[in-house]
C-alpha atoms as a PDB file:
ATOM      1  CA  UNK A   1      27.964 105.561 -51.579  1.00  0.00           C
ATOM      2  CA  UNK A   2      28.677 105.784 -47.635  1.00  0.00           C
ATOM      3  CA  UNK A   3      28.262 109.832 -46.943  1.00  0.00           C
ATOM      4  CA  UNK A   4      27.532 112.630 -49.309  1.00  0.00           C
ATOM      5  CA  UNK A   5      26.972 116.382 -48.252  1.00  0.00           C
ATOM      6  CA  UNK A   6      26.234 119.566 -50.496  1.00  0.00           C
ATOM      7  CA  UNK A   7      25.951 123.097 -50.148  1.00  0.00           C
ATOM      8  CA  UNK A   8      25.155 125.824 -52.225  1.00  0.00           C
ATOM      9  CA  UNK A   9      27.524 128.830 -51.867  1.00  0.00           C
ATOM     10  CA  UNK A  10      26.258 130.889 -54.937  1.00  0.00           C
ATOM     11  CA  UNK A  11      23.152 131.782 -56.757  1.00  0.00           C
ATOM     12  CA  UNK A  12      21.883 129.905 -59.690  1.00  0.00           C
ATOM     13  CA  UNK A  13      19.779 131.770 -62.098  1.00  0.00           C
ATOM     14  CA  UNK A  14      17.360 130.363 -64.561  1.00  0.00           C
ATOM     15  CA  UNK A  15      19.362 129.636 -68.058  1.00  0.00           C
ATOM     16  CA  UNK A  16      22.512 129.500 -66.361  1.00  0.00           C
ATOM     17  CA  UNK A  17      24.968 127.075 -67.920  1.00  0.00           C
ATOM     18  CA  UNK A  18      26.444 124.889 -65.223  1.00  0.00           C
ATOM     19  CA  UNK A  19      29.618 122.473 -65.085  1.00  0.00           C
ATOM     20  CA  UNK A  20      29.963 119.671 -62.367  1.00  0.00           C
ATOM     21  CA  UNK A  21      33.283 118.228 -61.795  1.00  0.00           C
ATOM     22  CA  UNK A  22      34.110 115.199 -59.385  1.00  0.00           C
ATOM     23  CA  UNK A  23      37.802 114.910 -58.341  1.00  0.00           C
ATOM     24  CA  UNK A  24      39.076 111.776 -56.673  1.00  0.00           C
ATOM     25  CA  UNK A  25      41.248 113.575 -53.582  1.00  0.00           C
ATOM     26  CA  UNK A  26      42.237 110.728 -51.303  1.00  0.00           C
ATOM     27  CA  UNK A  27      41.415 107.371 -49.561  1.00  0.00           C
ATOM     28  CA  UNK A  28      40.121 106.629 -46.214  1.00  0.00           C
ATOM     29  CA  UNK A  29      40.014 102.630 -44.877  1.00  0.00           C
ATOM     30  CA  UNK A  30      40.008 101.596 -48.893  1.00  0.00           C
ATOM     31  CA  UNK A  31      37.256 103.981 -49.578  1.00  0.00           C
ATOM     32  CA  UNK A  32      37.646 106.969 -52.191  1.00  0.00           C
ATOM     33  CA  UNK A  33      36.874 110.380 -51.215  1.00  0.00           C
ATOM     34  CA  UNK A  34      35.581 112.623 -53.637  1.00  0.00           C
ATOM     35  CA  UNK A  35      35.189 116.669 -53.991  1.00  0.00           C
ATOM     36  CA  UNK A  36      32.336 117.938 -55.929  1.00  0.00           C
ATOM     37  CA  UNK A  37      31.890 121.500 -57.266  1.00  0.00           C
ATOM     38  CA  UNK A  38      29.502 123.237 -59.635  1.00  0.00           C
ATOM     39  CA  UNK A  39      30.554 126.335 -61.970  1.00  0.00           C
ATOM     40  CA  UNK A  40      28.419 128.698 -63.698  1.00  0.00           C
ATOM     41  CA  UNK A  41      29.301 130.205 -67.292  1.00  0.00           C
ATOM     42  CA  UNK A  42      31.340 132.422 -65.330  1.00  0.00           C
ATOM     43  CA  UNK A  43      33.514 130.121 -63.552  1.00  0.00           C
ATOM     44  CA  UNK A  44      32.108 131.064 -60.444  1.00  0.00           C
ATOM     45  CA  UNK A  45      31.181 128.099 -57.829  1.00  0.00           C
ATOM     46  CA  UNK A  46      27.851 127.795 -56.799  1.00  0.00           C
ATOM     47  CA  UNK A  47      27.788 124.368 -55.045  1.00  0.00           C
ATOM     48  CA  UNK A  48      30.484 122.126 -53.325  1.00  0.00           C
ATOM     49  CA  UNK A  49      30.196 118.997 -51.819  1.00  0.00           C
ATOM     50  CA  UNK A  50      32.168 115.969 -50.528  1.00  0.00           C
ATOM     51  CA  UNK A  51      31.500 112.191 -50.732  1.00  0.00           C
ATOM     52  CA  UNK A  52      32.655 108.961 -49.618  1.00  0.00           C
ATOM     53  CA  UNK A  53      32.463 105.808 -51.812  1.00  0.00           C
ATOM     54  CA  UNK A  54      33.397 102.317 -52.075  1.00  0.00           C
ATOM     55  CA  UNK A  55      36.138 101.707 -54.394  1.00  0.00           C
ATOM     56  CA  UNK A  56      35.189  99.344 -57.371  1.00  0.00           C
ATOM     57  CA  UNK A  57      36.421  95.637 -57.178  1.00  0.00           C
ATOM     58  CA  UNK A  58      39.636  94.806 -59.024  1.00  0.00           C
ATOM     59  CA  UNK A  59      38.876  92.089 -61.448  1.00  0.00           C
ATOM     60  CA  UNK A  60      41.500  89.822 -63.421  1.00  0.00           C
ATOM     61  CA  UNK A  61      40.455  88.384 -66.771  1.00  0.00           C
ATOM     62  CA  UNK A  62      42.170  85.781 -68.517  1.00  0.00           C
ATOM     63  CA  UNK A  63      41.083  85.577 -72.198  1.00  0.00           C
ATOM     64  CA  UNK A  64      42.814  81.811 -72.952  1.00  0.00           C
ATOM     65  CA  UNK A  65      44.770  82.691 -75.656  1.00  0.00           C
ATOM     66  CA  UNK A  66      48.482  82.136 -75.478  1.00  0.00           C
ATOM     67  CA  UNK A  67      50.165  80.571 -72.646  1.00  0.00           C
ATOM     68  CA  UNK A  68      48.059  80.096 -70.152  1.00  0.00           C
ATOM     69  CA  UNK A  69      47.588  77.431 -67.190  1.00  0.00           C
ATOM     70  CA  UNK A  70      45.396  76.369 -64.792  1.00  0.00           C
ATOM     71  CA  UNK A  71      45.515  78.357 -61.275  1.00  0.00           C
ATOM     72  CA  UNK A  72      47.438  81.130 -63.142  1.00  0.00           C
ATOM     73  CA  UNK A  73      45.021  83.867 -61.681  1.00  0.00           C
ATOM     74  CA  UNK A  74      45.548  82.498 -58.062  1.00  0.00           C
ATOM     75  CA  UNK A  75      49.481  82.806 -58.686  1.00  0.00           C
ATOM     76  CA  UNK A  76      48.977  86.533 -59.809  1.00  0.00           C
ATOM     77  CA  UNK A  77      46.654  87.581 -56.868  1.00  0.00           C
ATOM     78  CA  UNK A  78      49.290  85.642 -54.219  1.00  0.00           C
ATOM     79  CA  UNK A  79      51.865  87.971 -55.613  1.00  0.00           C
ATOM     80  CA  UNK A  80      49.671  91.238 -55.193  1.00  0.00           C
ATOM     81  CA  UNK A  81      50.243  91.852 -51.352  1.00  0.00           C
ATOM     82  CA  UNK A  82      47.944  94.903 -51.697  1.00  0.00           C
ATOM     83  CA  UNK A  83      45.004  92.620 -53.435  1.00  0.00           C
ATOM     84  CA  UNK A  84      45.637  89.980 -50.594  1.00  0.00           C
ATOM     85  CA  UNK A  85      44.984  92.562 -47.863  1.00  0.00           C
ATOM     86  CA  UNK A  86      42.143  94.531 -49.382  1.00  0.00           C
ATOM     87  CA  UNK A  87      39.879  92.309 -51.412  1.00  0.00           C
ATOM     88  CA  UNK A  88      39.717  88.959 -50.004  1.00  0.00           C
END
């Protein structure tokens, strides 16, 4: 997590049932931008937040079953221009 901020925008009372939702709303320089909101049982927003987090790494896994060849993963990676730009 690179940056995180929250603020209470409503009152939370004892025994309130709260539901938190996290939405992926965009990207900045390869990092995910998230919006966080928490609502009470009346669907009123009581907390808002934002976060900027690094994206998970991409992994290619080859099981070895079927027609596989030495270097097959490298050929696949060289053909994906987005992989070459972001994850070398």
